[in-house]
Amino acid sequence: MLTANIKNNPSGIGFYMTPYTVPRARFSGLFIVATLSIFAILLSAVISTRVQAQAPTPAVGPVKGAVTVPVIAQPKKPVAQPPKSKFNASTALNKAARQPMLAERITKSFSMIGQKVLEPRARRQLEDSLKEFDAALKELLATSPTAEIRENYELLDQLFGDYKGIEAKPATLASAKELAEQNEELVWISQKGAMMIQAYAKSPRSDLIATAGDLRTLSQRIAKLYLFRSGGIRSDVVANDLKKAEAEYRNDMDRLLRAAQNSDQLKSELALAETQWLFLKQGIDRLNANKSSPIELEFVVKACDNILEVMERVTKLYEAMKA
C-alpha cells in the first residue's frame, strides 16, 4: 500500500510517497511473475516480426499518384545482347546490287517452269533466289546508313510480300504475265536502293562493284526477256527491252575491261565472261532463226547463267579490293 505524506515532503510541492513495506517472500514472487510477463511480451514481438518478414509480399499494381520508391535488388549477371548490325559499304553495295538480279532470276525461273524449260533446274533456282532475296532484304533494312535508304527498303519489303503472293500461284500464262508486271517495279526499287548505297559510299571501288552488279542483273534479264518472247508475255515491248538490255551489257562490260584497277585475276575472269558472251550471241542468232526451238532457248538460258557465275566472282574480287 502506498500513502501520501505532505508533512515529510521537504519541497512542499506535490506528494511524497511513503513506501509500504512488502514482505520479502511475497515481493520475490511478484518480481518473478513480472519478469516472466515482460519476457513473454518480448518473445511474442520477436516471433511476430519474423513471421511478417517471411510472409510473401502481395502483388499490387502501381497506384496512380503514388511516389515510387526504388528497391535495391541484388546484382545480376549481365544478359548477353546480340551485336548491333554494322554498315560495311562494299559488302552492303554488293548485297544491294544482287537484289535486282535476284528479282530478275525469280521471274525468269517462274517463266521456265511455266514453259517447261529446264524445269528441275528452274525450281531450284526459284527456291534459292526467294530465300536469298528475303534474307538480304532483312540485312539491308538492319544496316541502312540513312533514313532515306531505309525507307526505300521498307517499300521494297512491302512489294516483295505482294510479289511472293503471285509467285506462289501455279505457273500459268496468266500468273506469269501478272508476275512480269510486278517484276519491273521490284527490279526498279531494288536498283534504286543499290544506287543510293553507291552514292553514299562513293569511291572508285564502289563504282566497279555497282557496274559488275549491273552485269549480273542484265545476264538474268536477257534470259528472262527471251523466255517472255517465247511465251508471248509483254510482246508489245519485249523486242525493244531486249535491244536496250544487250546495249547496256556491252557498255558496262567495256567499262570494266578498261578499269585501271583490274588485277591479272580480274582480267582473266573478264576474258572468260567475254567468251561466254560470244556463246550467248551465237545462241541468240540461232534462236532468232528458229524462235520456237526449245533447244536454242535452253542454250540461251544456260549461257546467261554461265555469265552470271563469272560475274559473281568478278564482283567479289572488286569487293575485296582496298578502298
C-alpha atoms as a PDB file:
ATOM      1  CA  MET A   1       0.000   0.000   0.000  1.00  0.00           C
ATOM      2  CA  LEU A   2       1.293   3.481  -0.896  1.00  0.00           C
ATOM      3  CA  THR A   3       0.335   6.505   1.312  1.00  0.00           C
ATOM      4  CA  ALA A   4       0.661  10.267   0.746  1.00  0.00           C
ATOM      5  CA  ASN A   5       2.693  12.267   3.286  1.00  0.00           C
ATOM      6  CA  ILE A   6       2.840  16.065   2.851  1.00  0.00           C
ATOM      7  CA  LYS A   7       4.469  16.645   6.192  1.00  0.00           C
ATOM      8  CA  ASN A   8       7.657  14.821   5.392  1.00  0.00           C
ATOM      9  CA  ASN A   9       7.974  16.395   1.873  1.00  0.00           C
ATOM     10  CA  PRO A  10      10.822  18.865   2.106  1.00  0.00           C
ATOM     11  CA  SER A  11       9.806  20.762  -1.044  1.00  0.00           C
ATOM     12  CA  GLY A  12       6.191  21.140  -0.109  1.00  0.00           C
ATOM     13  CA  ILE A  13       5.147  20.514  -3.665  1.00  0.00           C
ATOM     14  CA  GLY A  14       3.203  17.501  -4.780  1.00  0.00           C
ATOM     15  CA  PHE A  15       3.117  14.314  -2.820  1.00  0.00           C
ATOM     16  CA  TYR A  16       5.861  12.395  -1.151  1.00  0.00           C
ATOM     17  CA  MET A  17       5.114   8.705  -1.423  1.00  0.00           C
ATOM     18  CA  THR A  18       5.898   6.727   1.655  1.00  0.00           C
ATOM     19  CA  PRO A  19       6.608   3.140   0.661  1.00  0.00           C
ATOM     20  CA  TYR A  20       4.694   0.341   2.241  1.00  0.00           C
ATOM     21  CA  THR A  21       6.890  -2.441   3.415  1.00  0.00           C
ATOM     22  CA  VAL A  22       6.208  -5.649   1.497  1.00  0.00           C
ATOM     23  CA  PRO A  23       7.127  -8.961   2.968  1.00  0.00           C
ATOM     24  CA  ARG A  24      10.314 -10.457   1.308  1.00  0.00           C
ATOM     25  CA  ALA A  25       8.722 -13.747   0.178  1.00  0.00           C
ATOM     26  CA  ARG A  26       5.747 -12.013  -1.420  1.00  0.00           C
ATOM     27  CA  PHE A  27       7.994  -9.479  -3.100  1.00  0.00           C
ATOM     28  CA  SER A  28      10.133 -12.240  -4.687  1.00  0.00           C
ATOM     29  CA  GLY A  29       7.072 -13.946  -6.164  1.00  0.00           C
ATOM     30  CA  LEU A  30       5.779 -10.717  -7.688  1.00  0.00           C
ATOM     31  CA  PHE A  31       9.195  -9.986  -9.180  1.00  0.00           C
ATOM     32  CA  ILE A  32       9.363 -13.384 -10.891  1.00  0.00           C
ATOM     33  CA  VAL A  33       5.832 -13.006 -12.336  1.00  0.00           C
ATOM     34  CA  ALA A  34       6.612  -9.537 -13.677  1.00  0.00           C
ATOM     35  CA  THR A  35       9.852 -10.715 -15.238  1.00  0.00           C
ATOM     36  CA  LEU A  36       8.175 -13.669 -16.977  1.00  0.00           C
ATOM     37  CA  SER A  37       5.427 -11.403 -18.311  1.00  0.00           C
ATOM     38  CA  ILE A  38       7.949  -8.995 -19.804  1.00  0.00           C
ATOM     39  CA  PHE A  39       9.896 -11.902 -21.384  1.00  0.00           C
ATOM     40  CA  ALA A  40       6.704 -13.329 -22.878  1.00  0.00           C
ATOM     41  CA  ILE A  41       5.826  -9.953 -24.421  1.00  0.00           C
ATOM     42  CA  LEU A  42       9.300  -9.566 -25.915  1.00  0.00           C
ATOM     43  CA  LEU A  43       9.286 -13.138 -27.289  1.00  0.00           C
ATOM     44  CA  SER A  44       5.885 -12.584 -28.902  1.00  0.00           C
ATOM     45  CA  ALA A  45       7.132  -9.400 -30.565  1.00  0.00           C
ATOM     46  CA  VAL A  46      10.206 -11.177 -31.982  1.00  0.00           C
ATOM     47  CA  ILE A  47       8.122 -14.073 -33.376  1.00  0.00           C
ATOM     48  CA  SER A  48       5.637 -11.653 -34.953  1.00  0.00           C
ATOM     49  CA  THR A  49       8.464  -9.708 -36.634  1.00  0.00           C
ATOM     50  CA  ARG A  50       9.997 -12.878 -38.118  1.00  0.00           C
ATOM     51  CA  VAL A  51       6.651 -14.111 -39.461  1.00  0.00           C
ATOM     52  CA  GLN A  52       5.986 -10.786 -41.183  1.00  0.00           C
ATOM     53  CA  ALA A  53       9.456 -10.817 -42.726  1.00  0.00           C
ATOM     54  CA  GLN A  54       8.920 -14.310 -44.154  1.00  0.00           C
ATOM     55  CA  ALA A  55       5.420 -13.661 -45.454  1.00  0.00           C
ATOM     56  CA  PRO A  56       5.170 -13.099 -49.253  1.00  0.00           C
ATOM     57  CA  THR A  57       4.614  -9.553 -50.356  1.00  0.00           C
ATOM     58  CA  PRO A  58       1.231  -9.264 -52.088  1.00  0.00           C
ATOM     59  CA  ALA A  59       1.462  -8.352 -55.784  1.00  0.00           C
ATOM     60  CA  VAL A  60      -0.143  -4.998 -56.276  1.00  0.00           C
ATOM     61  CA  GLY A  61      -0.193  -2.757 -59.289  1.00  0.00           C
ATOM     62  CA  PRO A  62       1.035   0.805 -59.338  1.00  0.00           C
ATOM     63  CA  VAL A  63      -1.165   3.306 -57.557  1.00  0.00           C
ATOM     64  CA  LYS A  64      -1.925   6.427 -59.517  1.00  0.00           C
ATOM     65  CA  GLY A  65      -0.276   9.461 -57.934  1.00  0.00           C
ATOM     66  CA  ALA A  66       1.867   7.338 -55.604  1.00  0.00           C
ATOM     67  CA  VAL A  67       5.565   8.018 -55.208  1.00  0.00           C
ATOM     68  CA  THR A  68       7.683   5.151 -56.465  1.00  0.00           C
ATOM     69  CA  VAL A  69      10.368   4.084 -54.014  1.00  0.00           C
ATOM     70  CA  PRO A  70      13.287   2.354 -55.700  1.00  0.00           C
ATOM     71  CA  VAL A  71      14.035  -1.156 -54.499  1.00  0.00           C
ATOM     72  CA  ILE A  72      17.674  -2.111 -54.238  1.00  0.00           C
ATOM     73  CA  ALA A  73      17.953  -5.505 -55.895  1.00  0.00           C
ATOM     74  CA  GLN A  74      20.782  -7.956 -55.761  1.00  0.00           C
ATOM     75  CA  PRO A  75      23.212  -7.505 -58.699  1.00  0.00           C
ATOM     76  CA  LYS A  76      22.529  -9.875 -61.586  1.00  0.00           C
ATOM     77  CA  LYS A  77      24.833 -11.202 -64.234  1.00  0.00           C
ATOM     78  CA  PRO A  78      24.582  -9.096 -67.410  1.00  0.00           C
ATOM     79  CA  VAL A  79      22.448 -10.647 -70.140  1.00  0.00           C
ATOM     80  CA  ALA A  80      24.303 -11.047 -73.414  1.00  0.00           C
ATOM     81  CA  GLN A  81      22.821  -8.775 -76.086  1.00  0.00           C
ATOM     82  CA  PRO A  82      23.043  -9.521 -79.827  1.00  0.00           C
ATOM     83  CA  PRO A  83      25.635  -7.327 -81.524  1.00  0.00           C
ATOM     84  CA  LYS A  84      24.260  -4.355 -83.404  1.00  0.00           C
ATOM     85  CA  SER A  85      24.485  -4.604 -87.163  1.00  0.00           C
ATOM     86  CA  LYS A  86      27.269  -2.506 -88.635  1.00  0.00           C
ATOM     87  CA  PHE A  87      27.313  -0.934 -92.082  1.00  0.00           C
ATOM     88  CA  ASN A  88      30.099  -2.096 -94.365  1.00  0.00           C
ATOM     89  CA  ALA A  89      29.978  -0.108 -97.590  1.00  0.00           C
ATOM     90  CA  SER A  90      31.430  -2.647-100.031  1.00  0.00           C
ATOM     91  CA  THR A  91      29.545  -5.617 -98.555  1.00  0.00           C
ATOM     92  CA  ALA A  92      26.260  -3.695 -98.437  1.00  0.00           C
ATOM     93  CA  LEU A  93      26.678  -2.482-102.022  1.00  0.00           C
ATOM     94  CA  ASN A  94      27.381  -5.990-103.327  1.00  0.00           C
ATOM     95  CA  LYS A  95      24.338  -7.279-101.467  1.00  0.00           C
ATOM     96  CA  ALA A  96      22.159  -4.410-102.696  1.00  0.00           C
ATOM     97  CA  ALA A  97      23.330  -4.896-106.287  1.00  0.00           C
ATOM     98  CA  ARG A  98      22.318  -8.563-106.091  1.00  0.00           C
ATOM     99  CA  GLN A  99      18.693  -7.738-105.285  1.00  0.00           C
ATOM    100  CA  PRO A 100      17.662  -6.645-108.806  1.00  0.00           C
ATOM    101  CA  MET A 101      19.484  -9.682-110.222  1.00  0.00           C
ATOM    102  CA  LEU A 102      17.563 -11.966-107.845  1.00  0.00           C
ATOM    103  CA  ALA A 103      14.272 -10.293-108.794  1.00  0.00           C
ATOM    104  CA  GLU A 104      15.003 -10.967-112.468  1.00  0.00           C
ATOM    105  CA  ARG A 105      16.103 -14.520-111.682  1.00  0.00           C
ATOM    106  CA  ILE A 106      12.904 -15.291-109.754  1.00  0.00           C
ATOM    107  CA  THR A 107      10.729 -14.191-112.669  1.00  0.00           C
ATOM    108  CA  LYS A 108      12.971 -15.963-115.166  1.00  0.00           C
ATOM    109  CA  SER A 109      12.756 -19.222-113.195  1.00  0.00           C
ATOM    110  CA  PHE A 110       8.978 -18.919-112.886  1.00  0.00           C
ATOM    111  CA  SER A 111       8.724 -18.486-116.661  1.00  0.00           C
ATOM    112  CA  MET A 112      10.984 -21.506-117.215  1.00  0.00           C
ATOM    113  CA  ILE A 113       8.694 -23.659-115.063  1.00  0.00           C
ATOM    114  CA  GLY A 114       5.624 -22.433-116.937  1.00  0.00           C
ATOM    115  CA  GLN A 115       7.201 -23.269-120.298  1.00  0.00           C
ATOM    116  CA  LYS A 116       8.868 -26.468-119.023  1.00  0.00           C
ATOM    117  CA  VAL A 117      12.360 -25.261-119.873  1.00  0.00           C
ATOM    118  CA  LEU A 118      14.978 -26.995-117.672  1.00  0.00           C
ATOM    119  CA  GLU A 119      12.217 -27.356-115.085  1.00  0.00           C
ATOM    120  CA  PRO A 120      14.135 -29.087-112.223  1.00  0.00           C
ATOM    121  CA  ARG A 121      16.917 -26.504-112.526  1.00  0.00           C
ATOM    122  CA  ALA A 122      14.360 -23.693-112.576  1.00  0.00           C
ATOM    123  CA  ARG A 123      12.628 -24.902-109.399  1.00  0.00           C
ATOM    124  CA  ARG A 124      15.923 -24.991-107.507  1.00  0.00           C
ATOM    125  CA  GLN A 125      16.831 -21.526-108.703  1.00  0.00           C
ATOM    126  CA  LEU A 126      13.421 -20.171-107.782  1.00  0.00           C
ATOM    127  CA  GLU A 127      13.524 -21.518-104.238  1.00  0.00           C
ATOM    128  CA  ASP A 128      17.105 -20.389-103.612  1.00  0.00           C
ATOM    129  CA  SER A 129      16.540 -16.923-105.073  1.00  0.00           C
ATOM    130  CA  LEU A 130      13.441 -16.281-102.971  1.00  0.00           C
ATOM    131  CA  LYS A 131      15.285 -17.231 -99.771  1.00  0.00           C
ATOM    132  CA  GLU A 132      18.337 -15.148-100.640  1.00  0.00           C
ATOM    133  CA  PHE A 133      16.302 -12.085-101.602  1.00  0.00           C
ATOM    134  CA  ASP A 134      14.362 -12.228 -98.337  1.00  0.00           C
ATOM    135  CA  ALA A 135      17.474 -12.726 -96.168  1.00  0.00           C
ATOM    136  CA  ALA A 136      19.425  -9.944 -97.917  1.00  0.00           C
ATOM    137  CA  LEU A 137      16.466  -7.577 -97.641  1.00  0.00           C
ATOM    138  CA  LYS A 138      16.381  -8.057 -93.862  1.00  0.00           C
ATOM    139  CA  GLU A 139      20.122  -7.336 -93.634  1.00  0.00           C
ATOM    140  CA  LEU A 140      19.837  -4.216 -95.795  1.00  0.00           C
ATOM    141  CA  LEU A 141      16.998  -2.938 -93.611  1.00  0.00           C
ATOM    142  CA  ALA A 142      19.035  -3.569 -90.464  1.00  0.00           C
ATOM    143  CA  THR A 143      22.157  -1.800 -91.763  1.00  0.00           C
ATOM    144  CA  SER A 144      20.682   1.095 -93.754  1.00  0.00           C
ATOM    145  CA  PRO A 145      23.013   4.065 -93.106  1.00  0.00           C
ATOM    146  CA  THR A 146      20.358   6.757 -93.678  1.00  0.00           C
ATOM    147  CA  ALA A 147      16.622   7.156 -93.114  1.00  0.00           C
ATOM    148  CA  GLU A 148      16.069   7.644 -96.858  1.00  0.00           C
ATOM    149  CA  ILE A 149      17.772   4.366 -97.745  1.00  0.00           C
ATOM    150  CA  ARG A 150      15.811   2.560 -95.044  1.00  0.00           C
ATOM    151  CA  GLU A 151      12.518   3.951 -96.378  1.00  0.00           C
ATOM    152  CA  ASN A 152      13.408   2.587 -99.820  1.00  0.00           C
ATOM    153  CA  TYR A 153      13.976  -0.898 -98.409  1.00  0.00           C
ATOM    154  CA  GLU A 154      10.796  -0.720 -96.342  1.00  0.00           C
ATOM    155  CA  LEU A 155       8.919  -0.104 -99.612  1.00  0.00           C
ATOM    156  CA  LEU A 156      10.810  -2.971-101.246  1.00  0.00           C
ATOM    157  CA  ASP A 157       9.782  -5.226 -98.357  1.00  0.00           C
ATOM    158  CA  GLN A 158       6.111  -4.432 -98.995  1.00  0.00           C
ATOM    159  CA  LEU A 159       6.459  -5.039-102.733  1.00  0.00           C
ATOM    160  CA  PHE A 160       8.244  -8.323-102.140  1.00  0.00           C
ATOM    161  CA  GLY A 161       5.350  -9.512 -99.973  1.00  0.00           C
ATOM    162  CA  ASP A 162       2.939  -8.980-102.897  1.00  0.00           C
ATOM    163  CA  TYR A 163       5.443 -10.493-105.315  1.00  0.00           C
ATOM    164  CA  LYS A 164       5.726 -13.702-103.273  1.00  0.00           C
ATOM    165  CA  GLY A 165       1.944 -13.981-103.273  1.00  0.00           C
ATOM    166  CA  ILE A 166       1.870 -14.077-107.066  1.00  0.00           C
ATOM    167  CA  GLU A 167       4.864 -16.390-107.276  1.00  0.00           C
ATOM    168  CA  ALA A 168       3.076 -18.907-105.036  1.00  0.00           C
ATOM    169  CA  LYS A 169       0.391 -19.374-107.706  1.00  0.00           C
ATOM    170  CA  PRO A 170       0.621 -22.130-110.344  1.00  0.00           C
ATOM    171  CA  ALA A 171       2.950 -21.196-113.205  1.00  0.00           C
ATOM    172  CA  THR A 172       0.288 -20.452-115.795  1.00  0.00           C
ATOM    173  CA  LEU A 173       0.446 -17.891-118.598  1.00  0.00           C
ATOM    174  CA  ALA A 174      -1.899 -15.575-116.666  1.00  0.00           C
ATOM    175  CA  SER A 175       0.158 -15.674-113.466  1.00  0.00           C
ATOM    176  CA  ALA A 176       3.393 -15.269-115.475  1.00  0.00           C
ATOM    177  CA  LYS A 177       2.000 -12.070-117.040  1.00  0.00           C
ATOM    178  CA  GLU A 178       0.962 -10.787-113.610  1.00  0.00           C
ATOM    179  CA  LEU A 179       4.391 -11.568-112.184  1.00  0.00           C
ATOM    180  CA  ALA A 180       6.069  -9.858-115.145  1.00  0.00           C
ATOM    181  CA  GLU A 181       4.327  -6.564-114.336  1.00  0.00           C
ATOM    182  CA  GLN A 182       5.237  -6.754-110.653  1.00  0.00           C
ATOM    183  CA  ASN A 183       8.794  -7.715-111.579  1.00  0.00           C
ATOM    184  CA  GLU A 184       9.510  -4.387-113.253  1.00  0.00           C
ATOM    185  CA  GLU A 185       8.602  -2.429-110.128  1.00  0.00           C
ATOM    186  CA  LEU A 186      10.533  -4.786-107.830  1.00  0.00           C
ATOM    187  CA  VAL A 187      13.650  -4.519-110.012  1.00  0.00           C
ATOM    188  CA  TRP A 188      13.410  -0.729-110.160  1.00  0.00           C
ATOM    189  CA  ILE A 189      13.139  -0.248-106.369  1.00  0.00           C
ATOM    190  CA  SER A 190      15.968  -2.760-105.858  1.00  0.00           C
ATOM    191  CA  GLN A 191      18.170  -0.860-108.312  1.00  0.00           C
ATOM    192  CA  LYS A 192      17.277   2.425-106.642  1.00  0.00           C
ATOM    193  CA  GLY A 193      18.478   1.056-103.295  1.00  0.00           C
ATOM    194  CA  ALA A 194      21.778  -0.048-104.833  1.00  0.00           C
ATOM    195  CA  MET A 195      22.284   3.368-106.442  1.00  0.00           C
ATOM    196  CA  MET A 196      21.607   5.118-103.127  1.00  0.00           C
ATOM    197  CA  ILE A 197      24.172   2.989-101.314  1.00  0.00           C
ATOM    198  CA  GLN A 198      26.641   3.524-104.167  1.00  0.00           C
ATOM    199  CA  ALA A 199      26.205   7.311-103.829  1.00  0.00           C
ATOM    200  CA  TYR A 200      26.588   7.094-100.036  1.00  0.00           C
ATOM    201  CA  ALA A 201      29.837   5.094-100.296  1.00  0.00           C
ATOM    202  CA  LYS A 202      31.173   6.927-103.339  1.00  0.00           C
ATOM    203  CA  SER A 203      34.594   5.618-104.392  1.00  0.00           C
ATOM    204  CA  PRO A 204      36.225   4.097-107.479  1.00  0.00           C
ATOM    205  CA  ARG A 205      35.778   0.658-105.901  1.00  0.00           C
ATOM    206  CA  SER A 206      32.063   1.190-105.286  1.00  0.00           C
ATOM    207  CA  ASP A 207      31.583   2.188-108.941  1.00  0.00           C
ATOM    208  CA  LEU A 208      33.236  -1.049-110.083  1.00  0.00           C
ATOM    209  CA  ILE A 209      31.106  -3.150-107.706  1.00  0.00           C
ATOM    210  CA  ALA A 210      27.937  -1.456-108.950  1.00  0.00           C
ATOM    211  CA  THR A 211      28.867  -1.931-112.618  1.00  0.00           C
ATOM    212  CA  ALA A 212      29.684  -5.612-112.119  1.00  0.00           C
ATOM    213  CA  GLY A 213      26.406  -5.948-110.237  1.00  0.00           C
ATOM    214  CA  ASP A 214      24.523  -4.448-113.194  1.00  0.00           C
ATOM    215  CA  LEU A 215      26.081  -7.058-115.485  1.00  0.00           C
ATOM    216  CA  ARG A 216      24.809  -9.807-113.189  1.00  0.00           C
ATOM    217  CA  THR A 217      21.324  -8.342-113.413  1.00  0.00           C
ATOM    218  CA  LEU A 218      21.471  -7.979-117.191  1.00  0.00           C
ATOM    219  CA  SER A 219      22.520 -11.622-117.623  1.00  0.00           C
ATOM    220  CA  GLN A 220      19.271 -12.721-115.973  1.00  0.00           C
ATOM    221  CA  ARG A 221      17.171 -10.018-117.590  1.00  0.00           C
ATOM    222  CA  ILE A 222      18.236 -11.052-121.098  1.00  0.00           C
ATOM    223  CA  ALA A 223      17.331 -14.695-120.390  1.00  0.00           C
ATOM    224  CA  LYS A 224      14.002 -13.616-118.895  1.00  0.00           C
ATOM    225  CA  LEU A 225      13.136 -11.474-121.914  1.00  0.00           C
ATOM    226  CA  TYR A 226      13.780 -14.303-124.381  1.00  0.00           C
ATOM    227  CA  LEU A 227      11.504 -16.504-122.260  1.00  0.00           C
ATOM    228  CA  PHE A 228       8.888 -13.743-122.328  1.00  0.00           C
ATOM    229  CA  ARG A 229       9.131 -13.581-126.113  1.00  0.00           C
ATOM    230  CA  SER A 230       8.749 -17.357-126.343  1.00  0.00           C
ATOM    231  CA  GLY A 231       5.696 -17.308-124.053  1.00  0.00           C
ATOM    232  CA  GLY A 232       4.050 -14.262-125.646  1.00  0.00           C
ATOM    233  CA  ILE A 233       4.491 -12.146-122.468  1.00  0.00           C
ATOM    234  CA  ARG A 234       4.858  -8.355-122.852  1.00  0.00           C
ATOM    235  CA  SER A 235       5.148  -8.947-126.589  1.00  0.00           C
ATOM    236  CA  ASP A 236       4.495  -5.264-127.332  1.00  0.00           C
ATOM    237  CA  VAL A 237       7.701  -4.124-125.607  1.00  0.00           C
ATOM    238  CA  VAL A 238       9.920  -7.208-125.369  1.00  0.00           C
ATOM    239  CA  ALA A 239      11.833  -6.554-128.609  1.00  0.00           C
ATOM    240  CA  ASN A 240      12.767  -3.029-127.521  1.00  0.00           C
ATOM    241  CA  ASP A 241      13.619  -4.226-123.994  1.00  0.00           C
ATOM    242  CA  LEU A 242      15.977  -6.874-125.429  1.00  0.00           C
ATOM    243  CA  LYS A 243      17.740  -4.342-127.617  1.00  0.00           C
ATOM    244  CA  LYS A 244      18.210  -1.994-124.682  1.00  0.00           C
ATOM    245  CA  ALA A 245      19.426  -4.740-122.304  1.00  0.00           C
ATOM    246  CA  GLU A 246      22.037  -6.028-124.763  1.00  0.00           C
ATOM    247  CA  ALA A 247      23.334  -2.488-125.398  1.00  0.00           C
ATOM    248  CA  GLU A 248      23.617  -1.812-121.653  1.00  0.00           C
ATOM    249  CA  TYR A 249      25.501  -5.072-121.210  1.00  0.00           C
ATOM    250  CA  ARG A 250      28.132  -4.077-123.778  1.00  0.00           C
ATOM    251  CA  ASN A 251      28.561  -0.579-122.296  1.00  0.00           C
ATOM    252  CA  ASP A 252      29.042  -1.922-118.761  1.00  0.00           C
ATOM    253  CA  MET A 253      31.411  -4.685-119.847  1.00  0.00           C
ATOM    254  CA  ASP A 254      33.552  -2.249-121.853  1.00  0.00           C
ATOM    255  CA  ARG A 255      33.771  -0.005-118.797  1.00  0.00           C
ATOM    256  CA  LEU A 256      35.074  -2.878-116.658  1.00  0.00           C
ATOM    257  CA  LEU A 257      37.544  -4.001-119.324  1.00  0.00           C
ATOM    258  CA  ARG A 258      39.071  -0.502-119.291  1.00  0.00           C
ATOM    259  CA  ALA A 259      39.305  -0.277-115.467  1.00  0.00           C
ATOM    260  CA  ALA A 260      42.867   0.535-114.352  1.00  0.00           C
ATOM    261  CA  GLN A 261      42.314  -1.327-111.055  1.00  0.00           C
ATOM    262  CA  ASN A 262      41.972  -4.715-112.762  1.00  0.00           C
ATOM    263  CA  SER A 263      44.368  -7.332-111.450  1.00  0.00           C
ATOM    264  CA  ASP A 264      45.613 -10.234-113.571  1.00  0.00           C
ATOM    265  CA  GLN A 265      42.934 -12.416-111.989  1.00  0.00           C
ATOM    266  CA  LEU A 266      40.230  -9.898-112.840  1.00  0.00           C
ATOM    267  CA  LYS A 267      41.460  -9.625-116.417  1.00  0.00           C
ATOM    268  CA  SER A 268      41.293 -13.414-116.733  1.00  0.00           C
ATOM    269  CA  GLU A 269      37.732 -13.552-115.347  1.00  0.00           C
ATOM    270  CA  LEU A 270      36.546 -10.743-117.607  1.00  0.00           C
ATOM    271  CA  ALA A 271      38.059 -12.514-120.627  1.00  0.00           C
ATOM    272  CA  LEU A 272      36.095 -15.625-119.649  1.00  0.00           C
ATOM    273  CA  ALA A 273      32.915 -13.528-119.419  1.00  0.00           C
ATOM    274  CA  GLU A 274      33.608 -12.239-122.943  1.00  0.00           C
ATOM    275  CA  THR A 275      33.903 -15.811-124.205  1.00  0.00           C
ATOM    276  CA  GLN A 276      30.553 -16.690-122.615  1.00  0.00           C
ATOM    277  CA  TRP A 277      29.046 -13.591-124.246  1.00  0.00           C
ATOM    278  CA  LEU A 278      30.152 -14.861-127.658  1.00  0.00           C
ATOM    279  CA  PHE A 279      28.465 -18.213-126.939  1.00  0.00           C
ATOM    280  CA  LEU A 280      25.322 -16.340-125.888  1.00  0.00           C
ATOM    281  CA  LYS A 281      25.277 -14.274-129.082  1.00  0.00           C
ATOM    282  CA  GLN A 282      25.582 -17.453-131.170  1.00  0.00           C
ATOM    283  CA  GLY A 283      22.673 -18.981-129.303  1.00  0.00           C
ATOM    284  CA  ILE A 284      20.599 -15.822-129.774  1.00  0.00           C
ATOM    285  CA  ASP A 285      21.280 -15.843-133.512  1.00  0.00           C
ATOM    286  CA  ARG A 286      20.135 -19.453-133.769  1.00  0.00           C
ATOM    287  CA  LEU A 287      17.064 -18.741-131.614  1.00  0.00           C
ATOM    288  CA  ASN A 288      16.133 -15.748-133.768  1.00  0.00           C
ATOM    289  CA  ALA A 289      16.300 -18.030-136.790  1.00  0.00           C
ATOM    290  CA  ASN A 290      14.041 -20.583-135.083  1.00  0.00           C
ATOM    291  CA  LYS A 291      12.075 -18.836-132.335  1.00  0.00           C
ATOM    292  CA  SER A 292      10.075 -21.930-131.446  1.00  0.00           C
ATOM    293  CA  SER A 293      13.137 -24.127-130.785  1.00  0.00           C
ATOM    294  CA  PRO A 294      13.219 -25.282-127.118  1.00  0.00           C
ATOM    295  CA  ILE A 295      16.832 -26.440-127.533  1.00  0.00           C
ATOM    296  CA  GLU A 296      18.067 -22.994-128.596  1.00  0.00           C
ATOM    297  CA  LEU A 297      16.040 -21.369-125.805  1.00  0.00           C
ATOM    298  CA  GLU A 298      17.701 -23.689-123.273  1.00  0.00           C
ATOM    299  CA  PHE A 299      21.107 -22.798-124.719  1.00  0.00           C
ATOM    300  CA  VAL A 300      20.443 -19.067-124.266  1.00  0.00           C
ATOM    301  CA  VAL A 301      19.311 -19.601-120.676  1.00  0.00           C
ATOM    302  CA  LYS A 302      22.395 -21.669-119.840  1.00  0.00           C
ATOM    303  CA  ALA A 303      24.764 -19.143-121.464  1.00  0.00           C
ATOM    304  CA  CYS A 304      23.212 -16.350-119.380  1.00  0.00           C
ATOM    305  CA  ASP A 305      23.683 -18.401-116.205  1.00  0.00           C
ATOM    306  CA  ASN A 306      27.328 -19.025-117.140  1.00  0.00           C
ATOM    307  CA  ILE A 307      27.882 -15.262-117.480  1.00  0.00           C
ATOM    308  CA  LEU A 308      26.237 -14.740-114.089  1.00  0.00           C
ATOM    309  CA  GLU A 309      28.587 -17.259-112.486  1.00  0.00           C
ATOM    310  CA  VAL A 310      31.643 -15.439-113.836  1.00  0.00           C
ATOM    311  CA  MET A 311      30.338 -12.020-112.838  1.00  0.00           C
ATOM    312  CA  GLU A 312      29.689 -13.228-109.292  1.00  0.00           C
ATOM    313  CA  ARG A 313      33.412 -13.913-108.977  1.00  0.00           C
ATOM    314  CA  VAL A 314      34.302 -10.594-110.598  1.00  0.00           C
ATOM    315  CA  THR A 315      32.096  -8.645-108.177  1.00  0.00           C
ATOM    316  CA  LYS A 316      33.623 -10.444-105.195  1.00  0.00           C
ATOM    317  CA  LEU A 317      37.116  -9.516-106.429  1.00  0.00           C
ATOM    318  CA  TYR A 318      36.146  -5.856-106.690  1.00  0.00           C
ATOM    319  CA  GLU A 319      34.574  -6.003-103.249  1.00  0.00           C
ATOM    320  CA  ALA A 320      37.805  -7.398-101.760  1.00  0.00           C
ATOM    321  CA  MET A 321      39.877  -4.500-103.181  1.00  0.00           C
ATOM    322  CA  LYS A 322      41.248  -1.891-100.792  1.00  0.00           C
ATOM    323  CA  ALA A 323      39.178   1.265-100.835  1.00  0.00           C
END
